[in-house]
Amino acid sequence: MTKTVALLVWAAGIVAWYIIRHPYSRKARKGAVSKNMIDGTEWVVLTILTLGLFVIPAVYAATGLPRVAERPFDPALAWIGVLAFAGSLWLFWRTHVDLGRNWSVSLKMREKHQLVTQGVYHYVRHPMYSSFLLMAVGQLLLLPNWVGGGAGIVGVACLLLFRLRREETMMRERFGDAYRDYSARTARIIPWLI
């Protein structure tokens, strides 16, 4: 594994991410929305996540900037990054499959929204966020730059800190005791831990 190959793997992972998400984005636009929690906070969180997982690392991959944040490339870490990134893509795909038409990019509730508790949702309540966390770890290990590689960790941290509670509140309001029971038996992000 070389640094150039690691950058190409990261770029291929981003393309794969888009290919996975695109058909679900098209389907999601067709469903009627009963509750929409898109506000300034939601836009800021999504912007920071996009900057951290896509824009800042893309600038680094294309230009090598900021050079002052460069760290030595470690092939062994890059291989672990490949595994983390591949795992994130599988989990990202599986989450979309399990959610089906219930998925949306922002905090929205569909008119026919159902509480999904099967598939990867049997283990964690927010596997999409788990996939973003794995993606951020993979990015950090693949891109040998503290800013370009580490920006994803910052983006995901903002997602977890400022969106997770709001989403769970929305789910409790919609599904009541069913969501409370589901929450009591599943972890939020990492199975059997948190």
N, C-alpha and C. Protein backbone atom coordinates (compact mmCIF):
# COMPACT_ATOMS: atom_id res chain seq x y z
N MET A 1 0.87 -1.18 0.00
CA MET A 1 0.00 0.00 0.00
C MET A 1 0.90 1.23 0.00
N THR A 2 0.62 2.14 -0.90
CA THR A 2 1.33 3.41 -0.95
C THR A 2 0.36 4.54 -0.61
N LYS A 3 0.91 5.71 -0.39
CA LYS A 3 0.06 6.86 -0.09
C LYS A 3 -0.89 7.15 -1.25
N THR A 4 -0.40 7.05 -2.47
CA THR A 4 -1.25 7.31 -3.65
C THR A 4 -2.39 6.30 -3.72
N VAL A 5 -2.09 5.05 -3.47
CA VAL A 5 -3.13 4.02 -3.48
C VAL A 5 -4.16 4.30 -2.38
N ALA A 6 -3.69 4.71 -1.22
CA ALA A 6 -4.60 5.03 -0.12
C ALA A 6 -5.54 6.17 -0.51
N LEU A 7 -5.00 7.20 -1.16
CA LEU A 7 -5.84 8.31 -1.62
C LEU A 7 -6.87 7.83 -2.63
N LEU A 8 -6.45 6.94 -3.54
CA LEU A 8 -7.37 6.41 -4.54
C LEU A 8 -8.46 5.54 -3.90
N VAL A 9 -8.07 4.76 -2.90
CA VAL A 9 -9.06 3.94 -2.18
C VAL A 9 -10.08 4.85 -1.52
N TRP A 10 -9.62 5.91 -0.86
CA TRP A 10 -10.55 6.85 -0.23
C TRP A 10 -11.50 7.44 -1.28
N ALA A 11 -10.95 7.88 -2.42
CA ALA A 11 -11.79 8.48 -3.47
C ALA A 11 -12.80 7.46 -4.02
N ALA A 12 -12.37 6.22 -4.22
CA ALA A 12 -13.28 5.17 -4.70
C ALA A 12 -14.38 4.91 -3.67
N GLY A 13 -14.02 4.99 -2.39
CA GLY A 13 -15.02 4.81 -1.34
C GLY A 13 -16.08 5.91 -1.37
N ILE A 14 -15.66 7.13 -1.65
CA ILE A 14 -16.61 8.24 -1.74
C ILE A 14 -17.55 8.04 -2.93
N VAL A 15 -17.00 7.59 -4.06
CA VAL A 15 -17.83 7.31 -5.23
C VAL A 15 -18.83 6.20 -4.90
N ALA A 16 -18.35 5.14 -4.23
CA ALA A 16 -19.24 4.04 -3.84
C ALA A 16 -20.34 4.54 -2.90
N TRP A 17 -19.99 5.43 -1.98
CA TRP A 17 -20.96 6.00 -1.05
C TRP A 17 -22.08 6.67 -1.85
N TYR A 18 -21.71 7.47 -2.83
CA TYR A 18 -22.70 8.18 -3.65
C TYR A 18 -23.56 7.18 -4.44
N ILE A 19 -22.94 6.17 -4.99
CA ILE A 19 -23.68 5.17 -5.77
C ILE A 19 -24.69 4.45 -4.89
N ILE A 20 -24.31 4.16 -3.65
CA ILE A 20 -25.24 3.51 -2.72
C ILE A 20 -26.41 4.43 -2.40
N ARG A 21 -26.11 5.68 -2.11
CA ARG A 21 -27.15 6.60 -1.63
C ARG A 21 -28.08 7.08 -2.73
N HIS A 22 -27.60 7.27 -3.93
CA HIS A 22 -28.39 7.93 -4.99
C HIS A 22 -29.78 7.34 -5.20
N PRO A 23 -29.95 6.03 -5.40
CA PRO A 23 -31.31 5.53 -5.65
C PRO A 23 -32.25 5.74 -4.45
N TYR A 24 -31.72 5.68 -3.25
CA TYR A 24 -32.56 5.88 -2.06
C TYR A 24 -32.96 7.35 -1.93
N SER A 25 -32.06 8.26 -2.33
CA SER A 25 -32.40 9.69 -2.32
C SER A 25 -33.55 9.97 -3.27
N ARG A 26 -33.51 9.36 -4.44
CA ARG A 26 -34.58 9.57 -5.42
C ARG A 26 -35.91 9.04 -4.90
N LYS A 27 -35.90 7.86 -4.30
CA LYS A 27 -37.13 7.28 -3.75
C LYS A 27 -37.67 8.11 -2.59
N ALA A 28 -36.76 8.63 -1.75
CA ALA A 28 -37.18 9.37 -0.56
C ALA A 28 -37.92 10.65 -0.91
N ARG A 29 -37.59 11.26 -2.03
CA ARG A 29 -38.26 12.50 -2.43
C ARG A 29 -39.73 12.29 -2.76
N LYS A 30 -40.09 11.06 -3.06
CA LYS A 30 -41.46 10.77 -3.47
C LYS A 30 -42.42 10.58 -2.30
N GLY A 31 -41.91 10.27 -1.12
CA GLY A 31 -42.77 10.00 0.03
C GLY A 31 -43.29 11.26 0.68
N ALA A 32 -44.54 11.23 1.10
CA ALA A 32 -45.15 12.37 1.79
C ALA A 32 -44.58 12.48 3.20
N VAL A 33 -44.28 13.72 3.61
CA VAL A 33 -43.66 13.99 4.91
C VAL A 33 -44.73 14.48 5.88
N SER A 34 -44.76 13.89 7.09
CA SER A 34 -45.72 14.33 8.09
C SER A 34 -45.08 15.24 9.13
N LYS A 35 -43.77 15.12 9.34
CA LYS A 35 -43.06 15.99 10.28
C LYS A 35 -41.69 16.29 9.73
N ASN A 36 -41.34 17.58 9.81
CA ASN A 36 -40.06 18.04 9.26
C ASN A 36 -39.37 18.89 10.33
N MET A 37 -38.19 18.44 10.76
CA MET A 37 -37.45 19.18 11.78
C MET A 37 -36.21 19.86 11.20
N ILE A 38 -36.28 20.21 9.93
CA ILE A 38 -35.16 20.90 9.31
C ILE A 38 -35.18 22.36 9.77
N ASP A 39 -34.11 22.75 10.42
CA ASP A 39 -33.97 24.13 10.90
C ASP A 39 -32.50 24.52 10.78
N GLY A 40 -32.14 25.63 11.36
CA GLY A 40 -30.76 26.11 11.28
C GLY A 40 -29.76 25.13 11.86
N THR A 41 -30.09 24.51 12.99
CA THR A 41 -29.19 23.54 13.61
C THR A 41 -28.95 22.36 12.68
N GLU A 42 -30.03 21.86 12.08
CA GLU A 42 -29.91 20.73 11.16
C GLU A 42 -29.00 21.07 9.98
N TRP A 43 -29.17 22.26 9.41
CA TRP A 43 -28.33 22.66 8.28
C TRP A 43 -26.87 22.81 8.68
N VAL A 44 -26.61 23.38 9.86
CA VAL A 44 -25.23 23.53 10.33
C VAL A 44 -24.59 22.16 10.52
N VAL A 45 -25.30 21.24 11.17
CA VAL A 45 -24.76 19.89 11.42
C VAL A 45 -24.47 19.18 10.10
N LEU A 46 -25.42 19.21 9.16
CA LEU A 46 -25.20 18.55 7.87
C LEU A 46 -24.06 19.19 7.09
N THR A 47 -23.90 20.51 7.20
CA THR A 47 -22.81 21.20 6.53
C THR A 47 -21.46 20.78 7.12
N ILE A 48 -21.36 20.73 8.44
CA ILE A 48 -20.11 20.33 9.09
C ILE A 48 -19.78 18.88 8.74
N LEU A 49 -20.79 18.01 8.72
CA LEU A 49 -20.57 16.61 8.35
C LEU A 49 -20.07 16.51 6.91
N THR A 50 -20.68 17.25 6.00
CA THR A 50 -20.27 17.24 4.60
C THR A 50 -18.84 17.77 4.43
N LEU A 51 -18.53 18.84 5.13
CA LEU A 51 -17.17 19.37 5.08
C LEU A 51 -16.16 18.34 5.59
N GLY A 52 -16.50 17.69 6.71
CA GLY A 52 -15.57 16.77 7.35
C GLY A 52 -15.36 15.47 6.61
N LEU A 53 -16.42 14.92 6.01
CA LEU A 53 -16.30 13.63 5.34
C LEU A 53 -16.05 13.73 3.84
N PHE A 54 -16.28 14.90 3.24
CA PHE A 54 -16.14 14.99 1.80
C PHE A 54 -15.26 16.15 1.34
N VAL A 55 -15.60 17.36 1.71
CA VAL A 55 -14.94 18.54 1.14
C VAL A 55 -13.48 18.67 1.59
N ILE A 56 -13.26 18.71 2.90
CA ILE A 56 -11.89 18.91 3.41
C ILE A 56 -10.97 17.76 2.99
N PRO A 57 -11.38 16.49 3.12
CA PRO A 57 -10.50 15.43 2.64
C PRO A 57 -10.28 15.46 1.13
N ALA A 58 -11.29 15.90 0.37
CA ALA A 58 -11.12 16.01 -1.09
C ALA A 58 -10.09 17.07 -1.43
N VAL A 59 -10.13 18.20 -0.72
CA VAL A 59 -9.12 19.24 -0.93
C VAL A 59 -7.73 18.68 -0.63
N TYR A 60 -7.63 17.95 0.48
CA TYR A 60 -6.33 17.35 0.82
C TYR A 60 -5.90 16.36 -0.27
N ALA A 61 -6.81 15.47 -0.68
CA ALA A 61 -6.46 14.45 -1.68
C ALA A 61 -6.03 15.08 -2.99
N ALA A 62 -6.65 16.20 -3.36
CA ALA A 62 -6.34 16.85 -4.63
C ALA A 62 -5.09 17.74 -4.58
N THR A 63 -4.83 18.35 -3.42
CA THR A 63 -3.77 19.36 -3.35
C THR A 63 -2.65 19.04 -2.35
N GLY A 64 -2.91 18.15 -1.39
CA GLY A 64 -1.94 17.89 -0.34
C GLY A 64 -1.95 18.94 0.76
N LEU A 65 -2.90 19.86 0.69
CA LEU A 65 -2.98 20.94 1.69
C LEU A 65 -3.91 20.54 2.83
N PRO A 66 -3.63 20.94 4.02
CA PRO A 66 -2.51 21.76 4.48
C PRO A 66 -1.28 20.89 4.78
N ARG A 67 -0.18 21.22 4.16
CA ARG A 67 1.04 20.43 4.30
C ARG A 67 1.58 20.42 5.73
N VAL A 68 1.31 21.48 6.47
CA VAL A 68 1.79 21.56 7.85
C VAL A 68 1.17 20.49 8.74
N ALA A 69 0.04 19.93 8.33
CA ALA A 69 -0.65 18.91 9.13
C ALA A 69 -0.32 17.49 8.66
N GLU A 70 0.64 17.37 7.75
CA GLU A 70 1.02 16.05 7.22
C GLU A 70 1.62 15.19 8.33
N ARG A 71 1.35 13.89 8.28
CA ARG A 71 1.96 12.94 9.20
C ARG A 71 2.56 11.81 8.36
N PRO A 72 3.48 11.05 8.91
CA PRO A 72 4.09 9.95 8.14
C PRO A 72 3.03 8.94 7.69
N PHE A 73 3.15 8.47 6.46
CA PHE A 73 2.24 7.46 5.95
C PHE A 73 2.64 6.09 6.49
N ASP A 74 1.67 5.35 7.01
CA ASP A 74 1.91 4.02 7.55
C ASP A 74 1.05 3.02 6.78
N PRO A 75 1.66 2.16 5.96
CA PRO A 75 0.88 1.20 5.16
C PRO A 75 -0.03 0.30 6.00
N ALA A 76 0.45 -0.13 7.18
CA ALA A 76 -0.38 -1.00 8.02
C ALA A 76 -1.65 -0.27 8.47
N LEU A 77 -1.51 0.99 8.87
CA LEU A 77 -2.69 1.78 9.25
C LEU A 77 -3.62 1.98 8.06
N ALA A 78 -3.03 2.17 6.89
CA ALA A 78 -3.85 2.36 5.68
C ALA A 78 -4.67 1.10 5.40
N TRP A 79 -4.09 -0.08 5.58
CA TRP A 79 -4.86 -1.32 5.37
C TRP A 79 -6.00 -1.44 6.37
N ILE A 80 -5.76 -1.06 7.61
CA ILE A 80 -6.85 -1.05 8.59
C ILE A 80 -7.91 -0.04 8.16
N GLY A 81 -7.47 1.09 7.61
CA GLY A 81 -8.39 2.09 7.08
C GLY A 81 -9.24 1.55 5.95
N VAL A 82 -8.64 0.73 5.09
CA VAL A 82 -9.41 0.10 4.00
C VAL A 82 -10.51 -0.77 4.59
N LEU A 83 -10.17 -1.56 5.60
CA LEU A 83 -11.17 -2.43 6.23
C LEU A 83 -12.29 -1.61 6.88
N ALA A 84 -11.91 -0.53 7.59
CA ALA A 84 -12.92 0.32 8.22
C ALA A 84 -13.82 0.97 7.17
N PHE A 85 -13.22 1.46 6.10
CA PHE A 85 -14.01 2.11 5.05
C PHE A 85 -14.94 1.10 4.37
N ALA A 86 -14.42 -0.10 4.09
CA ALA A 86 -15.26 -1.14 3.48
C ALA A 86 -16.41 -1.52 4.40
N GLY A 87 -16.11 -1.65 5.69
CA GLY A 87 -17.17 -1.95 6.66
C GLY A 87 -18.21 -0.85 6.72
N SER A 88 -17.75 0.39 6.62
CA SER A 88 -18.69 1.52 6.66
C SER A 88 -19.61 1.50 5.45
N LEU A 89 -19.06 1.16 4.29
CA LEU A 89 -19.89 1.12 3.07
C LEU A 89 -20.91 -0.01 3.13
N TRP A 90 -20.50 -1.16 3.65
CA TRP A 90 -21.46 -2.26 3.79
C TRP A 90 -22.58 -1.85 4.74
N LEU A 91 -22.21 -1.30 5.89
CA LEU A 91 -23.21 -0.89 6.89
C LEU A 91 -24.11 0.22 6.34
N PHE A 92 -23.53 1.15 5.58
CA PHE A 92 -24.28 2.23 4.96
C PHE A 92 -25.33 1.66 4.00
N TRP A 93 -24.91 0.71 3.16
CA TRP A 93 -25.82 0.06 2.22
C TRP A 93 -26.91 -0.70 2.97
N ARG A 94 -26.50 -1.49 3.96
CA ARG A 94 -27.46 -2.32 4.69
C ARG A 94 -28.48 -1.45 5.42
N THR A 95 -28.06 -0.33 5.96
CA THR A 95 -28.97 0.59 6.65
C THR A 95 -30.03 1.10 5.68
N HIS A 96 -29.61 1.48 4.48
CA HIS A 96 -30.59 1.95 3.49
C HIS A 96 -31.57 0.84 3.12
N VAL A 97 -31.06 -0.37 2.93
CA VAL A 97 -31.94 -1.48 2.58
C VAL A 97 -32.96 -1.73 3.68
N ASP A 98 -32.49 -1.76 4.93
CA ASP A 98 -33.39 -2.04 6.05
C ASP A 98 -34.42 -0.92 6.25
N LEU A 99 -34.02 0.33 6.04
CA LEU A 99 -34.95 1.45 6.22
C LEU A 99 -35.94 1.57 5.08
N GLY A 100 -35.51 1.27 3.88
CA GLY A 100 -36.38 1.42 2.72
C GLY A 100 -36.90 2.84 2.58
N ARG A 101 -38.21 2.99 2.44
CA ARG A 101 -38.81 4.31 2.23
C ARG A 101 -38.87 5.16 3.50
N ASN A 102 -38.48 4.62 4.62
CA ASN A 102 -38.48 5.38 5.87
C ASN A 102 -37.28 6.33 5.94
N TRP A 103 -36.29 6.15 5.08
CA TRP A 103 -35.06 6.93 5.14
C TRP A 103 -35.25 8.35 4.60
N SER A 104 -34.54 9.29 5.21
CA SER A 104 -34.41 10.63 4.65
C SER A 104 -33.07 11.19 5.10
N VAL A 105 -32.55 12.13 4.33
CA VAL A 105 -31.23 12.68 4.64
C VAL A 105 -31.27 13.59 5.87
N SER A 106 -32.43 14.14 6.16
CA SER A 106 -32.55 15.05 7.30
C SER A 106 -33.65 14.55 8.24
N LEU A 107 -33.90 15.29 9.28
CA LEU A 107 -34.87 14.87 10.29
C LEU A 107 -36.30 15.07 9.77
N LYS A 108 -36.81 14.02 9.14
CA LYS A 108 -38.16 14.02 8.61
C LYS A 108 -38.85 12.73 9.00
N MET A 109 -40.15 12.81 9.18
CA MET A 109 -40.96 11.64 9.46
C MET A 109 -41.96 11.50 8.31
N ARG A 110 -42.01 10.33 7.73
CA ARG A 110 -42.94 10.05 6.63
C ARG A 110 -44.34 9.80 7.17
N GLU A 111 -45.34 10.02 6.32
CA GLU A 111 -46.72 9.76 6.73
C GLU A 111 -46.93 8.30 7.10
N LYS A 112 -46.31 7.39 6.36
CA LYS A 112 -46.45 5.96 6.63
C LYS A 112 -45.18 5.41 7.28
N HIS A 113 -44.52 6.24 8.06
CA HIS A 113 -43.26 5.86 8.69
C HIS A 113 -43.48 4.69 9.65
N GLN A 114 -42.59 3.72 9.59
CA GLN A 114 -42.66 2.56 10.47
C GLN A 114 -41.39 2.51 11.31
N LEU A 115 -41.51 1.96 12.49
CA LEU A 115 -40.35 1.75 13.36
C LEU A 115 -39.63 0.50 12.87
N VAL A 116 -38.41 0.68 12.41
CA VAL A 116 -37.61 -0.44 11.88
C VAL A 116 -36.73 -0.97 13.01
N THR A 117 -36.87 -2.25 13.30
CA THR A 117 -36.08 -2.88 14.38
C THR A 117 -35.41 -4.17 13.92
N GLN A 118 -35.48 -4.47 12.63
CA GLN A 118 -34.87 -5.69 12.12
C GLN A 118 -33.59 -5.34 11.35
N GLY A 119 -32.90 -6.39 10.92
CA GLY A 119 -31.64 -6.19 10.20
C GLY A 119 -30.60 -5.58 11.14
N VAL A 120 -29.85 -4.61 10.63
CA VAL A 120 -28.82 -3.98 11.48
C VAL A 120 -29.45 -3.17 12.61
N TYR A 121 -30.70 -2.81 12.46
CA TYR A 121 -31.41 -2.08 13.52
C TYR A 121 -31.72 -2.97 14.73
N HIS A 122 -31.53 -4.25 14.58
CA HIS A 122 -31.67 -5.16 15.72
C HIS A 122 -30.54 -4.93 16.73
N TYR A 123 -29.40 -4.44 16.25
CA TYR A 123 -28.21 -4.28 17.09
C TYR A 123 -27.98 -2.86 17.57
N VAL A 124 -28.27 -1.88 16.71
CA VAL A 124 -28.10 -0.46 17.09
C VAL A 124 -29.25 0.35 16.53
N ARG A 125 -29.57 1.43 17.24
CA ARG A 125 -30.67 2.30 16.82
C ARG A 125 -30.28 3.23 15.68
N HIS A 126 -28.98 3.51 15.55
CA HIS A 126 -28.53 4.47 14.54
C HIS A 126 -27.36 3.91 13.72
N PRO A 127 -27.60 2.83 12.98
CA PRO A 127 -26.50 2.24 12.22
C PRO A 127 -25.94 3.15 11.12
N MET A 128 -26.76 4.09 10.63
CA MET A 128 -26.23 5.05 9.65
C MET A 128 -25.14 5.89 10.29
N TYR A 129 -25.36 6.31 11.52
CA TYR A 129 -24.34 7.08 12.24
C TYR A 129 -23.12 6.20 12.52
N SER A 130 -23.37 4.92 12.81
CA SER A 130 -22.26 3.98 13.01
C SER A 130 -21.42 3.89 11.73
N SER A 131 -22.10 3.87 10.58
CA SER A 131 -21.36 3.80 9.32
C SER A 131 -20.54 5.07 9.10
N PHE A 132 -21.09 6.22 9.47
CA PHE A 132 -20.32 7.47 9.35
C PHE A 132 -19.10 7.45 10.26
N LEU A 133 -19.26 6.91 11.46
CA LEU A 133 -18.14 6.82 12.39
C LEU A 133 -17.05 5.91 11.83
N LEU A 134 -17.43 4.76 11.29
CA LEU A 134 -16.45 3.86 10.65
C LEU A 134 -15.78 4.54 9.46
N MET A 135 -16.56 5.27 8.69
CA MET A 135 -16.02 5.99 7.54
C MET A 135 -14.99 7.02 7.99
N ALA A 136 -15.29 7.74 9.06
CA ALA A 136 -14.37 8.75 9.57
C ALA A 136 -13.07 8.12 10.07
N VAL A 137 -13.18 6.96 10.73
CA VAL A 137 -11.98 6.25 11.18
C VAL A 137 -11.17 5.79 9.97
N GLY A 138 -11.84 5.22 8.97
CA GLY A 138 -11.16 4.81 7.75
C GLY A 138 -10.46 5.97 7.07
N GLN A 139 -11.13 7.11 7.02
CA GLN A 139 -10.56 8.32 6.42
C GLN A 139 -9.30 8.76 7.17
N LEU A 140 -9.37 8.76 8.49
CA LEU A 140 -8.23 9.15 9.31
C LEU A 140 -7.03 8.24 9.05
N LEU A 141 -7.27 6.96 8.88
CA LEU A 141 -6.19 6.01 8.67
C LEU A 141 -5.67 5.99 7.23
N LEU A 142 -6.52 6.32 6.28
CA LEU A 142 -6.11 6.34 4.87
C LEU A 142 -5.40 7.63 4.47
N LEU A 143 -5.82 8.75 5.01
CA LEU A 143 -5.27 10.04 4.61
C LEU A 143 -4.27 10.53 5.66
N PRO A 144 -2.98 10.53 5.36
CA PRO A 144 -1.97 10.88 6.36
C PRO A 144 -1.81 12.39 6.58
N ASN A 145 -2.90 12.98 7.01
CA ASN A 145 -2.91 14.42 7.27
C ASN A 145 -3.91 14.64 8.41
N TRP A 146 -3.47 15.31 9.46
CA TRP A 146 -4.33 15.47 10.63
C TRP A 146 -5.59 16.27 10.31
N VAL A 147 -5.52 17.20 9.38
CA VAL A 147 -6.70 17.98 9.00
C VAL A 147 -7.54 17.21 7.99
N GLY A 148 -6.93 16.81 6.87
CA GLY A 148 -7.66 16.09 5.83
C GLY A 148 -8.22 14.77 6.31
N GLY A 149 -7.43 14.04 7.07
CA GLY A 149 -7.88 12.76 7.59
C GLY A 149 -8.79 12.89 8.80
N GLY A 150 -8.49 13.84 9.67
CA GLY A 150 -9.23 13.98 10.92
C GLY A 150 -10.52 14.76 10.84
N ALA A 151 -10.76 15.45 9.75
CA ALA A 151 -11.97 16.27 9.62
C ALA A 151 -13.25 15.45 9.75
N GLY A 152 -13.21 14.21 9.32
CA GLY A 152 -14.39 13.35 9.42
C GLY A 152 -14.78 13.07 10.85
N ILE A 153 -13.79 12.89 11.72
CA ILE A 153 -14.07 12.65 13.14
C ILE A 153 -14.82 13.86 13.73
N VAL A 154 -14.38 15.05 13.36
CA VAL A 154 -15.04 16.28 13.84
C VAL A 154 -16.47 16.34 13.32
N GLY A 155 -16.65 16.05 12.03
CA GLY A 155 -18.00 16.07 11.45
C GLY A 155 -18.94 15.09 12.11
N VAL A 156 -18.47 13.87 12.33
CA VAL A 156 -19.31 12.84 12.97
C VAL A 156 -19.58 13.20 14.43
N ALA A 157 -18.60 13.76 15.11
CA ALA A 157 -18.82 14.19 16.50
C ALA A 157 -19.94 15.23 16.57
N CYS A 158 -19.96 16.17 15.63
CA CYS A 158 -21.05 17.16 15.60
C CYS A 158 -22.39 16.50 15.34
N LEU A 159 -22.41 15.53 14.45
CA LEU A 159 -23.64 14.78 14.16
C LEU A 159 -24.15 14.10 15.43
N LEU A 160 -23.25 13.44 16.15
CA LEU A 160 -23.66 12.72 17.35
C LEU A 160 -24.06 13.67 18.48
N LEU A 161 -23.36 14.77 18.61
CA LEU A 161 -23.65 15.71 19.70
C LEU A 161 -24.91 16.53 19.48
N PHE A 162 -25.16 16.94 18.24
CA PHE A 162 -26.23 17.91 17.99
C PHE A 162 -27.44 17.37 17.23
N ARG A 163 -27.38 16.12 16.77
CA ARG A 163 -28.52 15.60 16.03
C ARG A 163 -29.14 14.36 16.66
N LEU A 164 -28.34 13.55 17.27
CA LEU A 164 -28.81 12.27 17.79
C LEU A 164 -29.98 12.42 18.75
N ARG A 165 -29.86 13.30 19.73
CA ARG A 165 -30.94 13.50 20.71
C ARG A 165 -32.21 13.99 20.05
N ARG A 166 -32.06 14.89 19.10
CA ARG A 166 -33.24 15.42 18.41
C ARG A 166 -33.96 14.32 17.64
N GLU A 167 -33.20 13.46 17.00
CA GLU A 167 -33.80 12.36 16.24
C GLU A 167 -34.52 11.39 17.19
N GLU A 168 -33.89 11.10 18.32
CA GLU A 168 -34.53 10.18 19.26
C GLU A 168 -35.80 10.79 19.86
N THR A 169 -35.80 12.08 20.11
CA THR A 169 -37.01 12.76 20.59
C THR A 169 -38.13 12.63 19.56
N MET A 170 -37.80 12.84 18.29
CA MET A 170 -38.78 12.73 17.22
C MET A 170 -39.34 11.30 17.15
N MET A 171 -38.48 10.30 17.32
CA MET A 171 -38.92 8.91 17.27
C MET A 171 -39.81 8.56 18.48
N ARG A 172 -39.46 9.07 19.66
CA ARG A 172 -40.30 8.82 20.85
C ARG A 172 -41.67 9.46 20.69
N GLU A 173 -41.69 10.68 20.14
CA GLU A 173 -42.98 11.35 19.93
C GLU A 173 -43.86 10.57 18.97
N ARG A 174 -43.27 9.97 17.95
CA ARG A 174 -44.04 9.25 16.94
C ARG A 174 -44.44 7.85 17.40
N PHE A 175 -43.48 7.12 18.02
CA PHE A 175 -43.71 5.71 18.32
C PHE A 175 -43.90 5.39 19.80
N GLY A 176 -43.74 6.39 20.66
CA GLY A 176 -44.04 6.23 22.09
C GLY A 176 -43.34 5.07 22.76
N ASP A 177 -44.14 4.23 23.44
CA ASP A 177 -43.60 3.12 24.21
C ASP A 177 -42.85 2.11 23.34
N ALA A 178 -43.27 1.94 22.10
CA ALA A 178 -42.58 1.00 21.21
C ALA A 178 -41.12 1.44 21.03
N TYR A 179 -40.90 2.74 20.87
CA TYR A 179 -39.52 3.22 20.72
C TYR A 179 -38.77 3.16 22.05
N ARG A 180 -39.45 3.44 23.14
CA ARG A 180 -38.80 3.35 24.46
C ARG A 180 -38.35 1.91 24.73
N ASP A 181 -39.19 0.94 24.41
CA ASP A 181 -38.82 -0.47 24.60
C ASP A 181 -37.64 -0.84 23.69
N TYR A 182 -37.71 -0.39 22.46
CA TYR A 182 -36.63 -0.65 21.50
C TYR A 182 -35.32 -0.03 22.01
N SER A 183 -35.39 1.19 22.53
CA SER A 183 -34.20 1.87 23.06
C SER A 183 -33.61 1.13 24.24
N ALA A 184 -34.46 0.53 25.06
CA ALA A 184 -33.99 -0.17 26.25
C ALA A 184 -33.19 -1.42 25.91
N ARG A 185 -33.43 -2.00 24.73
CA ARG A 185 -32.75 -3.26 24.39
C ARG A 185 -31.66 -3.10 23.32
N THR A 186 -31.44 -1.90 22.82
CA THR A 186 -30.40 -1.70 21.79
C THR A 186 -29.48 -0.55 22.16
N ALA A 187 -28.26 -0.64 21.66
CA ALA A 187 -27.30 0.45 21.84
C ALA A 187 -27.57 1.52 20.78
N ARG A 188 -27.05 2.70 21.01
CA ARG A 188 -27.25 3.78 20.03
C ARG A 188 -26.36 3.61 18.79
N ILE A 189 -25.06 3.43 19.01
CA ILE A 189 -24.09 3.49 17.90
C ILE A 189 -23.25 2.23 17.75
N ILE A 190 -22.74 1.70 18.87
CA ILE A 190 -21.86 0.53 18.83
C ILE A 190 -22.55 -0.60 19.58
N PRO A 191 -22.79 -1.74 18.89
CA PRO A 191 -23.51 -2.83 19.54
C PRO A 191 -22.93 -3.20 20.91
N TRP A 192 -23.82 -3.38 21.86
CA TRP A 192 -23.53 -3.82 23.22
C TRP A 192 -22.69 -2.82 24.02
N LEU A 193 -22.39 -1.63 23.46
CA LEU A 193 -21.58 -0.65 24.19
C LEU A 193 -22.31 0.66 24.38
N ILE A 194 -22.42 1.45 23.32
CA ILE A 194 -23.05 2.77 23.43
C ILE A 194 -24.05 2.96 22.30
